[in-house]
Amino acid sequence: MIFLKILIVSFDCDAEAAALRSALEWYHHDVMVRYIGRPKDFLDVLSGDVLFPPDVLILCGHGDDGVFLMPELGEDVYFDGEPRNISPDDVRAHLKLRPTLCISTACTSGTAEMGAAFAEHGVPYLAPDDYIEGNTPLFFILHLFYLHQNGGKTFTEAAAIAKTTDADTAMYTFYDGNGGTL
């Protein structure tokens, strides 16, 4: 069996993160959840400010127009230069963490530009490229891990199978970290 260290980063999707943590721990993985309160916290994770280097990084949150939507703060609370949301350029500028795979549940976070931002750092990235139905990411990720752990599939093979369930799971695009997509 394959047991992984998984870090779930939750930005405004706490119930999804809790469900994923519970299920992935049931699969016997070591799972930690980090709750994000501001954009800088998200950038800190990308920069490697984590308690352990994860094999898999799961980003649980919302997205729109190819960016990660961060919790909205009062204007006087933001640090100087802190972005309001996380764009592909922010990922390029801060990504130092090197998980085996990064998975996003955020709508439209699977655009070619965001995928390229992770791929430029050699990090395989799996995310929906459109507006996905609310419970699809949970199903997709559990299916993906089941196929990987119990079916002996690579993450690439497991993603190809998990994408075939319906129109929503088909929105997941896999960027292999070398410039290729699935």
N, C-alpha and C. Protein backbone atom coordinates (compact mmCIF):
# COMPACT_ATOMS: atom_id res chain seq x y z
N MET A 1 0.83 -1.19 0.00
CA MET A 1 0.00 0.00 0.00
C MET A 1 0.87 1.25 0.00
N ILE A 2 0.34 2.29 -0.55
CA ILE A 2 1.03 3.57 -0.64
C ILE A 2 0.45 4.52 0.40
N PHE A 3 1.30 5.01 1.29
CA PHE A 3 0.85 5.96 2.31
C PHE A 3 1.57 7.28 2.08
N LEU A 4 0.82 8.34 2.00
CA LEU A 4 1.36 9.65 1.64
C LEU A 4 1.19 10.66 2.75
N LYS A 5 2.03 11.68 2.74
CA LYS A 5 1.88 12.85 3.60
C LYS A 5 1.14 13.89 2.76
N ILE A 6 -0.03 14.28 3.22
CA ILE A 6 -0.90 15.19 2.47
C ILE A 6 -1.14 16.45 3.29
N LEU A 7 -0.97 17.60 2.63
CA LEU A 7 -1.29 18.88 3.25
C LEU A 7 -2.48 19.47 2.50
N ILE A 8 -3.56 19.73 3.24
CA ILE A 8 -4.74 20.37 2.68
C ILE A 8 -4.72 21.83 3.13
N VAL A 9 -4.78 22.74 2.17
CA VAL A 9 -4.84 24.17 2.45
C VAL A 9 -6.27 24.62 2.20
N SER A 10 -6.93 25.10 3.24
CA SER A 10 -8.34 25.49 3.14
C SER A 10 -8.47 27.01 3.19
N PHE A 11 -9.04 27.55 2.11
CA PHE A 11 -9.34 28.99 2.08
C PHE A 11 -10.80 29.14 1.72
N ASP A 12 -11.62 29.25 2.75
CA ASP A 12 -13.08 29.42 2.64
C ASP A 12 -13.82 28.16 2.22
N CYS A 13 -13.26 27.00 2.44
CA CYS A 13 -13.93 25.72 2.15
C CYS A 13 -13.64 24.72 3.26
N ASP A 14 -13.96 25.11 4.49
CA ASP A 14 -13.60 24.29 5.63
C ASP A 14 -14.30 22.94 5.66
N ALA A 15 -15.57 22.87 5.26
CA ALA A 15 -16.29 21.59 5.28
C ALA A 15 -15.68 20.63 4.26
N GLU A 16 -15.32 21.14 3.09
CA GLU A 16 -14.69 20.29 2.07
C GLU A 16 -13.35 19.76 2.59
N ALA A 17 -12.56 20.62 3.21
CA ALA A 17 -11.27 20.21 3.75
C ALA A 17 -11.45 19.14 4.83
N ALA A 18 -12.45 19.32 5.70
CA ALA A 18 -12.70 18.34 6.76
C ALA A 18 -13.12 16.99 6.18
N ALA A 19 -13.98 17.02 5.16
CA ALA A 19 -14.42 15.77 4.52
C ALA A 19 -13.24 15.07 3.86
N LEU A 20 -12.41 15.82 3.15
CA LEU A 20 -11.24 15.22 2.50
C LEU A 20 -10.28 14.65 3.54
N ARG A 21 -10.04 15.41 4.60
CA ARG A 21 -9.13 14.92 5.64
C ARG A 21 -9.63 13.61 6.23
N SER A 22 -10.89 13.57 6.59
CA SER A 22 -11.45 12.37 7.18
C SER A 22 -11.32 11.17 6.25
N ALA A 23 -11.71 11.36 5.00
CA ALA A 23 -11.67 10.24 4.05
C ALA A 23 -10.24 9.82 3.74
N LEU A 24 -9.35 10.77 3.55
CA LEU A 24 -7.97 10.41 3.21
C LEU A 24 -7.25 9.78 4.40
N GLU A 25 -7.61 10.17 5.62
CA GLU A 25 -7.07 9.48 6.79
C GLU A 25 -7.62 8.06 6.87
N TRP A 26 -8.86 7.88 6.44
CA TRP A 26 -9.44 6.53 6.39
C TRP A 26 -8.65 5.65 5.43
N TYR A 27 -8.08 6.27 4.40
CA TYR A 27 -7.19 5.56 3.45
C TYR A 27 -5.79 5.37 4.05
N HIS A 28 -5.59 5.78 5.29
CA HIS A 28 -4.36 5.62 6.06
C HIS A 28 -3.24 6.58 5.67
N HIS A 29 -3.58 7.70 5.06
CA HIS A 29 -2.58 8.72 4.76
C HIS A 29 -2.41 9.64 5.97
N ASP A 30 -1.24 10.27 6.09
CA ASP A 30 -1.03 11.29 7.10
C ASP A 30 -1.50 12.61 6.52
N VAL A 31 -2.51 13.22 7.14
CA VAL A 31 -3.14 14.42 6.58
C VAL A 31 -3.12 15.55 7.61
N MET A 32 -2.74 16.71 7.13
CA MET A 32 -2.78 17.92 7.96
C MET A 32 -3.56 18.98 7.19
N VAL A 33 -4.34 19.77 7.90
CA VAL A 33 -5.09 20.86 7.28
C VAL A 33 -4.52 22.18 7.79
N ARG A 34 -4.29 23.09 6.88
CA ARG A 34 -3.86 24.44 7.24
C ARG A 34 -4.93 25.40 6.74
N TYR A 35 -5.49 26.16 7.66
CA TYR A 35 -6.54 27.11 7.33
C TYR A 35 -5.91 28.46 7.00
N ILE A 36 -6.35 29.04 5.91
CA ILE A 36 -5.80 30.28 5.40
C ILE A 36 -6.74 31.43 5.75
N GLY A 37 -6.19 32.48 6.35
CA GLY A 37 -6.99 33.64 6.70
C GLY A 37 -6.74 34.83 5.81
N ARG A 38 -5.61 34.83 5.12
CA ARG A 38 -5.25 35.98 4.28
C ARG A 38 -4.35 35.48 3.13
N PRO A 39 -4.24 36.27 2.08
CA PRO A 39 -3.42 35.86 0.93
C PRO A 39 -1.97 35.53 1.30
N LYS A 40 -1.38 36.29 2.22
CA LYS A 40 0.01 36.02 2.60
C LYS A 40 0.17 34.60 3.15
N ASP A 41 -0.82 34.11 3.87
CA ASP A 41 -0.75 32.74 4.40
C ASP A 41 -0.65 31.72 3.27
N PHE A 42 -1.41 31.94 2.20
CA PHE A 42 -1.38 31.06 1.03
C PHE A 42 0.01 31.11 0.39
N LEU A 43 0.54 32.32 0.22
CA LEU A 43 1.87 32.48 -0.38
C LEU A 43 2.95 31.86 0.50
N ASP A 44 2.78 31.93 1.82
CA ASP A 44 3.73 31.29 2.73
C ASP A 44 3.79 29.78 2.50
N VAL A 45 2.62 29.16 2.30
CA VAL A 45 2.59 27.72 2.03
C VAL A 45 3.34 27.44 0.72
N LEU A 46 3.03 28.19 -0.33
CA LEU A 46 3.71 27.98 -1.61
C LEU A 46 5.22 28.13 -1.46
N SER A 47 5.63 29.05 -0.58
CA SER A 47 7.06 29.31 -0.37
C SER A 47 7.75 28.23 0.46
N GLY A 48 6.97 27.31 1.01
CA GLY A 48 7.55 26.21 1.77
C GLY A 48 7.45 26.35 3.27
N ASP A 49 6.70 27.33 3.75
CA ASP A 49 6.50 27.51 5.19
C ASP A 49 5.45 26.51 5.67
N VAL A 50 5.87 25.26 5.83
CA VAL A 50 4.98 24.17 6.23
C VAL A 50 5.68 23.34 7.30
N LEU A 51 4.90 22.60 8.10
CA LEU A 51 5.48 21.78 9.16
C LEU A 51 6.18 20.54 8.64
N PHE A 52 5.76 20.06 7.48
CA PHE A 52 6.41 18.90 6.86
C PHE A 52 6.28 19.04 5.36
N PRO A 53 7.25 18.53 4.61
CA PRO A 53 7.13 18.58 3.15
C PRO A 53 6.10 17.54 2.68
N PRO A 54 4.99 17.98 2.13
CA PRO A 54 3.95 17.02 1.73
C PRO A 54 4.28 16.31 0.41
N ASP A 55 3.79 15.09 0.31
CA ASP A 55 3.84 14.40 -0.98
C ASP A 55 2.78 15.00 -1.91
N VAL A 56 1.63 15.33 -1.32
CA VAL A 56 0.51 15.89 -2.09
C VAL A 56 0.01 17.14 -1.37
N LEU A 57 -0.20 18.19 -2.15
CA LEU A 57 -0.77 19.44 -1.65
C LEU A 57 -2.14 19.59 -2.27
N ILE A 58 -3.18 19.73 -1.44
CA ILE A 58 -4.55 19.92 -1.93
C ILE A 58 -4.99 21.32 -1.54
N LEU A 59 -5.40 22.09 -2.54
CA LEU A 59 -5.85 23.46 -2.34
C LEU A 59 -7.37 23.47 -2.39
N CYS A 60 -8.03 23.67 -1.25
CA CYS A 60 -9.49 23.67 -1.14
C CYS A 60 -9.98 25.10 -1.03
N GLY A 61 -10.66 25.57 -2.05
CA GLY A 61 -11.17 26.92 -2.00
C GLY A 61 -11.98 27.25 -3.23
N HIS A 62 -12.12 28.53 -3.45
CA HIS A 62 -12.89 29.01 -4.59
C HIS A 62 -11.97 29.68 -5.60
N GLY A 63 -12.43 29.68 -6.84
CA GLY A 63 -11.68 30.34 -7.90
C GLY A 63 -12.62 31.00 -8.88
N ASP A 64 -12.07 31.94 -9.63
CA ASP A 64 -12.82 32.64 -10.66
C ASP A 64 -11.82 33.22 -11.65
N ASP A 65 -12.12 33.10 -12.92
CA ASP A 65 -11.25 33.65 -13.97
C ASP A 65 -9.80 33.21 -13.82
N GLY A 66 -9.57 31.97 -13.41
CA GLY A 66 -8.22 31.43 -13.36
C GLY A 66 -7.37 31.89 -12.19
N VAL A 67 -7.98 32.46 -11.14
CA VAL A 67 -7.24 32.85 -9.93
C VAL A 67 -7.89 32.20 -8.72
N PHE A 68 -7.10 32.04 -7.66
CA PHE A 68 -7.63 31.56 -6.39
C PHE A 68 -8.21 32.75 -5.64
N LEU A 69 -9.47 32.64 -5.23
CA LEU A 69 -10.13 33.71 -4.49
C LEU A 69 -9.82 33.55 -3.00
N MET A 70 -9.24 34.57 -2.43
CA MET A 70 -8.88 34.55 -1.02
C MET A 70 -10.01 35.16 -0.19
N PRO A 71 -10.05 34.84 1.11
CA PRO A 71 -11.04 35.50 1.97
C PRO A 71 -10.86 37.01 1.89
N GLU A 72 -11.97 37.72 1.81
CA GLU A 72 -11.92 39.17 1.69
C GLU A 72 -11.71 39.81 3.06
N LEU A 73 -10.75 40.72 3.12
CA LEU A 73 -10.42 41.41 4.36
C LEU A 73 -10.74 42.89 4.22
N GLY A 74 -10.80 43.60 5.31
CA GLY A 74 -10.93 45.04 5.24
C GLY A 74 -9.67 45.65 4.64
N GLU A 75 -9.82 46.70 3.87
CA GLU A 75 -8.67 47.31 3.18
C GLU A 75 -7.54 47.67 4.14
N ASP A 76 -7.87 48.06 5.36
CA ASP A 76 -6.83 48.46 6.31
C ASP A 76 -6.11 47.27 6.94
N VAL A 77 -6.55 46.05 6.63
CA VAL A 77 -5.95 44.85 7.21
C VAL A 77 -4.86 44.26 6.31
N TYR A 78 -4.93 44.50 5.01
CA TYR A 78 -3.94 43.93 4.09
C TYR A 78 -2.56 44.51 4.36
N PHE A 79 -1.54 43.68 4.19
CA PHE A 79 -0.15 44.14 4.26
C PHE A 79 0.18 44.88 2.97
N ASP A 80 1.17 45.74 3.03
CA ASP A 80 1.62 46.45 1.83
C ASP A 80 2.05 45.44 0.77
N GLY A 81 1.51 45.59 -0.43
CA GLY A 81 1.87 44.71 -1.54
C GLY A 81 1.21 43.35 -1.52
N GLU A 82 0.38 43.06 -0.53
CA GLU A 82 -0.28 41.75 -0.45
C GLU A 82 -1.36 41.67 -1.52
N PRO A 83 -1.34 40.63 -2.35
CA PRO A 83 -2.37 40.52 -3.38
C PRO A 83 -3.73 40.23 -2.74
N ARG A 84 -4.80 40.57 -3.43
CA ARG A 84 -6.14 40.28 -2.91
C ARG A 84 -6.54 38.84 -3.23
N ASN A 85 -6.13 38.35 -4.38
CA ASN A 85 -6.34 36.97 -4.81
C ASN A 85 -5.01 36.44 -5.33
N ILE A 86 -4.93 35.14 -5.59
CA ILE A 86 -3.66 34.54 -6.00
C ILE A 86 -3.73 34.18 -7.49
N SER A 87 -2.89 34.83 -8.26
CA SER A 87 -2.85 34.65 -9.71
C SER A 87 -1.71 33.69 -10.09
N PRO A 88 -1.68 33.28 -11.35
CA PRO A 88 -0.54 32.48 -11.82
C PRO A 88 0.80 33.19 -11.59
N ASP A 89 0.84 34.51 -11.76
CA ASP A 89 2.08 35.25 -11.51
C ASP A 89 2.51 35.15 -10.05
N ASP A 90 1.54 35.17 -9.13
CA ASP A 90 1.86 35.01 -7.71
C ASP A 90 2.43 33.62 -7.45
N VAL A 91 1.85 32.60 -8.09
CA VAL A 91 2.37 31.23 -7.94
C VAL A 91 3.80 31.18 -8.46
N ARG A 92 4.04 31.73 -9.65
CA ARG A 92 5.39 31.74 -10.22
C ARG A 92 6.40 32.41 -9.28
N ALA A 93 6.00 33.50 -8.67
CA ALA A 93 6.91 34.28 -7.84
C ALA A 93 7.21 33.62 -6.49
N HIS A 94 6.31 32.77 -5.99
CA HIS A 94 6.46 32.25 -4.63
C HIS A 94 6.67 30.75 -4.51
N LEU A 95 6.36 29.97 -5.53
CA LEU A 95 6.38 28.51 -5.39
C LEU A 95 7.81 27.98 -5.21
N LYS A 96 8.03 27.43 -4.03
CA LYS A 96 9.29 26.75 -3.73
C LYS A 96 9.01 25.33 -3.22
N LEU A 97 7.80 25.11 -2.74
CA LEU A 97 7.38 23.81 -2.25
C LEU A 97 7.32 22.85 -3.43
N ARG A 98 7.80 21.62 -3.25
CA ARG A 98 7.85 20.67 -4.35
C ARG A 98 7.11 19.36 -4.02
N PRO A 99 5.77 19.41 -3.91
CA PRO A 99 5.05 18.15 -3.68
C PRO A 99 5.09 17.30 -4.95
N THR A 100 4.81 16.02 -4.79
CA THR A 100 4.72 15.11 -5.92
C THR A 100 3.55 15.49 -6.82
N LEU A 101 2.51 16.07 -6.20
CA LEU A 101 1.31 16.46 -6.92
C LEU A 101 0.61 17.57 -6.15
N CYS A 102 0.07 18.56 -6.87
CA CYS A 102 -0.77 19.58 -6.29
C CYS A 102 -2.15 19.46 -6.95
N ILE A 103 -3.19 19.39 -6.13
CA ILE A 103 -4.56 19.26 -6.62
C ILE A 103 -5.35 20.47 -6.11
N SER A 104 -6.13 21.08 -6.99
CA SER A 104 -6.99 22.18 -6.59
C SER A 104 -8.44 21.80 -6.76
N THR A 105 -9.28 22.29 -5.84
CA THR A 105 -10.72 22.10 -5.96
C THR A 105 -11.40 23.37 -6.45
N ALA A 106 -10.64 24.46 -6.61
CA ALA A 106 -11.19 25.77 -6.94
C ALA A 106 -11.63 25.86 -8.40
N CYS A 107 -12.82 26.36 -8.62
CA CYS A 107 -13.32 26.56 -9.99
C CYS A 107 -12.32 27.36 -10.81
N THR A 108 -12.18 27.02 -12.04
CA THR A 108 -11.35 27.67 -13.06
C THR A 108 -9.87 27.76 -12.71
N SER A 109 -9.42 27.05 -11.69
CA SER A 109 -8.00 27.10 -11.33
C SER A 109 -7.15 26.17 -12.18
N GLY A 110 -7.79 25.47 -13.11
CA GLY A 110 -7.06 24.56 -13.99
C GLY A 110 -6.80 25.15 -15.36
N THR A 111 -6.71 26.47 -15.45
CA THR A 111 -6.42 27.10 -16.74
C THR A 111 -4.99 26.77 -17.16
N ALA A 112 -4.73 26.92 -18.44
CA ALA A 112 -3.38 26.66 -18.96
C ALA A 112 -2.35 27.54 -18.28
N GLU A 113 -2.70 28.80 -18.00
CA GLU A 113 -1.74 29.70 -17.36
C GLU A 113 -1.41 29.25 -15.94
N MET A 114 -2.42 28.83 -15.17
CA MET A 114 -2.16 28.37 -13.80
C MET A 114 -1.39 27.05 -13.85
N GLY A 115 -1.78 26.17 -14.75
CA GLY A 115 -1.06 24.91 -14.89
C GLY A 115 0.41 25.14 -15.23
N ALA A 116 0.67 26.10 -16.12
CA ALA A 116 2.05 26.43 -16.50
C ALA A 116 2.83 26.99 -15.32
N ALA A 117 2.17 27.77 -14.46
CA ALA A 117 2.86 28.34 -13.29
C ALA A 117 3.40 27.23 -12.38
N PHE A 118 2.63 26.16 -12.19
CA PHE A 118 3.10 25.04 -11.39
C PHE A 118 4.12 24.21 -12.17
N ALA A 119 3.84 23.97 -13.45
CA ALA A 119 4.73 23.15 -14.28
C ALA A 119 6.12 23.77 -14.41
N GLU A 120 6.20 25.09 -14.44
CA GLU A 120 7.50 25.77 -14.54
C GLU A 120 8.40 25.45 -13.35
N HIS A 121 7.80 25.03 -12.26
CA HIS A 121 8.55 24.64 -11.06
C HIS A 121 8.62 23.11 -10.93
N GLY A 122 8.17 22.40 -11.97
CA GLY A 122 8.24 20.94 -11.96
C GLY A 122 7.21 20.27 -11.09
N VAL A 123 6.14 20.98 -10.73
CA VAL A 123 5.10 20.43 -9.86
C VAL A 123 3.90 20.00 -10.70
N PRO A 124 3.59 18.70 -10.76
CA PRO A 124 2.37 18.27 -11.44
C PRO A 124 1.15 18.89 -10.76
N TYR A 125 0.18 19.29 -11.57
CA TYR A 125 -0.95 20.07 -11.07
C TYR A 125 -2.23 19.55 -11.70
N LEU A 126 -3.26 19.35 -10.87
CA LEU A 126 -4.53 18.80 -11.30
C LEU A 126 -5.64 19.69 -10.79
N ALA A 127 -6.45 20.28 -11.70
CA ALA A 127 -7.46 21.24 -11.28
C ALA A 127 -8.55 21.37 -12.33
N PRO A 128 -9.75 21.81 -11.91
CA PRO A 128 -10.84 22.02 -12.88
C PRO A 128 -10.61 23.30 -13.69
N ASP A 129 -10.87 23.21 -14.98
CA ASP A 129 -10.64 24.37 -15.85
C ASP A 129 -11.90 25.21 -16.08
N ASP A 130 -12.99 24.86 -15.39
CA ASP A 130 -14.24 25.59 -15.54
C ASP A 130 -14.95 25.62 -14.18
N TYR A 131 -16.23 26.00 -14.19
CA TYR A 131 -17.01 26.10 -12.96
C TYR A 131 -17.62 24.74 -12.67
N ILE A 132 -17.05 24.06 -11.69
CA ILE A 132 -17.40 22.68 -11.37
C ILE A 132 -18.51 22.64 -10.31
N GLU A 133 -19.35 21.62 -10.38
CA GLU A 133 -20.43 21.43 -9.40
C GLU A 133 -19.83 21.17 -8.03
N GLY A 134 -20.46 21.69 -6.98
CA GLY A 134 -19.93 21.74 -5.62
C GLY A 134 -19.37 20.48 -5.01
N ASN A 135 -20.01 19.32 -5.18
CA ASN A 135 -19.50 18.13 -4.52
C ASN A 135 -18.60 17.28 -5.42
N THR A 136 -18.40 17.69 -6.65
CA THR A 136 -17.57 16.93 -7.58
C THR A 136 -16.12 16.81 -7.11
N PRO A 137 -15.47 17.88 -6.61
CA PRO A 137 -14.07 17.73 -6.20
C PRO A 137 -13.86 16.64 -5.15
N LEU A 138 -14.74 16.55 -4.17
CA LEU A 138 -14.61 15.51 -3.14
C LEU A 138 -14.66 14.13 -3.79
N PHE A 139 -15.66 13.90 -4.62
CA PHE A 139 -15.78 12.61 -5.30
C PHE A 139 -14.55 12.34 -6.16
N PHE A 140 -14.16 13.32 -6.94
CA PHE A 140 -13.03 13.15 -7.87
C PHE A 140 -11.75 12.78 -7.11
N ILE A 141 -11.45 13.52 -6.05
CA ILE A 141 -10.21 13.28 -5.32
C ILE A 141 -10.23 11.92 -4.64
N LEU A 142 -11.36 11.53 -4.06
CA LEU A 142 -11.44 10.21 -3.43
C LEU A 142 -11.30 9.10 -4.46
N HIS A 143 -11.90 9.28 -5.62
CA HIS A 143 -11.76 8.31 -6.72
C HIS A 143 -10.30 8.24 -7.16
N LEU A 144 -9.67 9.39 -7.32
CA LEU A 144 -8.27 9.46 -7.72
C LEU A 144 -7.37 8.70 -6.74
N PHE A 145 -7.52 8.96 -5.45
CA PHE A 145 -6.69 8.30 -4.45
C PHE A 145 -7.00 6.81 -4.35
N TYR A 146 -8.26 6.44 -4.50
CA TYR A 146 -8.60 5.02 -4.48
C TYR A 146 -7.90 4.28 -5.62
N LEU A 147 -7.97 4.85 -6.82
CA LEU A 147 -7.32 4.22 -7.97
C LEU A 147 -5.81 4.16 -7.80
N HIS A 148 -5.23 5.19 -7.20
CA HIS A 148 -3.79 5.23 -6.97
C HIS A 148 -3.37 4.20 -5.92
N GLN A 149 -4.09 4.21 -4.81
CA GLN A 149 -3.70 3.36 -3.70
C GLN A 149 -4.13 1.91 -3.89
N ASN A 150 -5.38 1.70 -4.24
CA ASN A 150 -5.90 0.33 -4.31
C ASN A 150 -5.81 -0.28 -5.71
N GLY A 151 -5.77 0.59 -6.72
CA GLY A 151 -5.70 0.09 -8.08
C GLY A 151 -4.30 0.05 -8.66
N GLY A 152 -3.33 0.56 -7.90
CA GLY A 152 -1.95 0.53 -8.36
C GLY A 152 -1.67 1.46 -9.54
N LYS A 153 -2.51 2.44 -9.74
CA LYS A 153 -2.35 3.37 -10.87
C LYS A 153 -1.44 4.53 -10.46
N THR A 154 -0.71 5.07 -11.43
CA THR A 154 0.00 6.31 -11.19
C THR A 154 -1.05 7.41 -11.07
N PHE A 155 -0.67 8.56 -10.56
CA PHE A 155 -1.64 9.65 -10.49
C PHE A 155 -2.11 10.06 -11.88
N THR A 156 -1.24 9.99 -12.86
CA THR A 156 -1.63 10.32 -14.23
C THR A 156 -2.68 9.34 -14.74
N GLU A 157 -2.45 8.05 -14.54
CA GLU A 157 -3.41 7.03 -14.97
C GLU A 157 -4.72 7.15 -14.20
N ALA A 158 -4.61 7.38 -12.90
CA ALA A 158 -5.81 7.50 -12.06
C ALA A 158 -6.63 8.72 -12.48
N ALA A 159 -5.96 9.84 -12.78
CA ALA A 159 -6.68 11.04 -13.23
C ALA A 159 -7.41 10.79 -14.54
N ALA A 160 -6.78 10.07 -15.46
CA ALA A 160 -7.42 9.78 -16.74
C ALA A 160 -8.70 8.98 -16.54
N ILE A 161 -8.70 8.06 -15.61
CA ILE A 161 -9.89 7.25 -15.34
C ILE A 161 -10.94 8.07 -14.59
N ALA A 162 -10.51 8.80 -13.55
CA ALA A 162 -11.45 9.57 -12.73
C ALA A 162 -12.15 10.65 -13.54
N LYS A 163 -11.50 11.16 -14.57
CA LYS A 163 -12.09 12.20 -15.41
C LYS A 163 -13.27 11.69 -16.24
N THR A 164 -13.39 10.39 -16.41
CA THR A 164 -14.41 9.83 -17.31
C THR A 164 -15.78 9.65 -16.67
N THR A 165 -15.93 10.01 -15.40
CA THR A 165 -17.20 9.77 -14.71
C THR A 165 -18.35 10.57 -15.30
N ASP A 166 -18.16 11.88 -15.49
CA ASP A 166 -19.23 12.72 -16.02
C ASP A 166 -18.64 14.03 -16.54
N ALA A 167 -19.50 14.96 -16.94
CA ALA A 167 -19.05 16.23 -17.51
C ALA A 167 -18.29 17.07 -16.48
N ASP A 168 -18.66 16.99 -15.21
CA ASP A 168 -17.96 17.77 -14.20
C ASP A 168 -16.57 17.22 -13.91
N THR A 169 -16.44 15.91 -13.74
CA THR A 169 -15.11 15.35 -13.49
C THR A 169 -14.21 15.54 -14.72
N ALA A 170 -14.81 15.61 -15.89
CA ALA A 170 -14.03 15.83 -17.12
C ALA A 170 -13.38 17.20 -17.15
N MET A 171 -13.83 18.12 -16.29
CA MET A 171 -13.23 19.46 -16.24
C MET A 171 -11.84 19.46 -15.62
N TYR A 172 -11.47 18.39 -14.92
CA TYR A 172 -10.15 18.33 -14.32
C TYR A 172 -9.09 18.16 -15.40
N THR A 173 -8.11 19.03 -15.39
CA THR A 173 -6.99 18.97 -16.32
C THR A 173 -5.73 18.66 -15.53
N PHE A 174 -4.93 17.74 -16.05
CA PHE A 174 -3.70 17.31 -15.39
C PHE A 174 -2.52 17.91 -16.15
N TYR A 175 -1.74 18.73 -15.46
CA TYR A 175 -0.51 19.30 -16.01
C TYR A 175 0.63 18.50 -15.37
N ASP A 176 1.38 17.78 -16.18
CA ASP A 176 2.33 16.80 -15.63
C ASP A 176 3.62 17.37 -15.04
N GLY A 177 3.81 18.66 -15.08
CA GLY A 177 5.02 19.24 -14.54
C GLY A 177 6.15 19.32 -15.54
N ASN A 178 5.91 18.76 -16.73
CA ASN A 178 6.91 18.80 -17.81
C ASN A 178 6.36 19.47 -19.06
N GLY A 179 5.24 20.15 -18.91
CA GLY A 179 4.64 20.83 -20.07
C GLY A 179 3.54 20.05 -20.76
N GLY A 180 3.29 18.81 -20.33
CA GLY A 180 2.23 18.00 -20.93
C GLY A 180 0.93 18.11 -20.15
N THR A 181 -0.18 17.83 -20.83
CA THR A 181 -1.49 17.86 -20.18
C THR A 181 -2.24 16.59 -20.49
N LEU A 182 -3.24 16.33 -19.65
CA LEU A 182 -4.15 15.20 -19.85
C LEU A 182 -5.57 15.74 -19.73
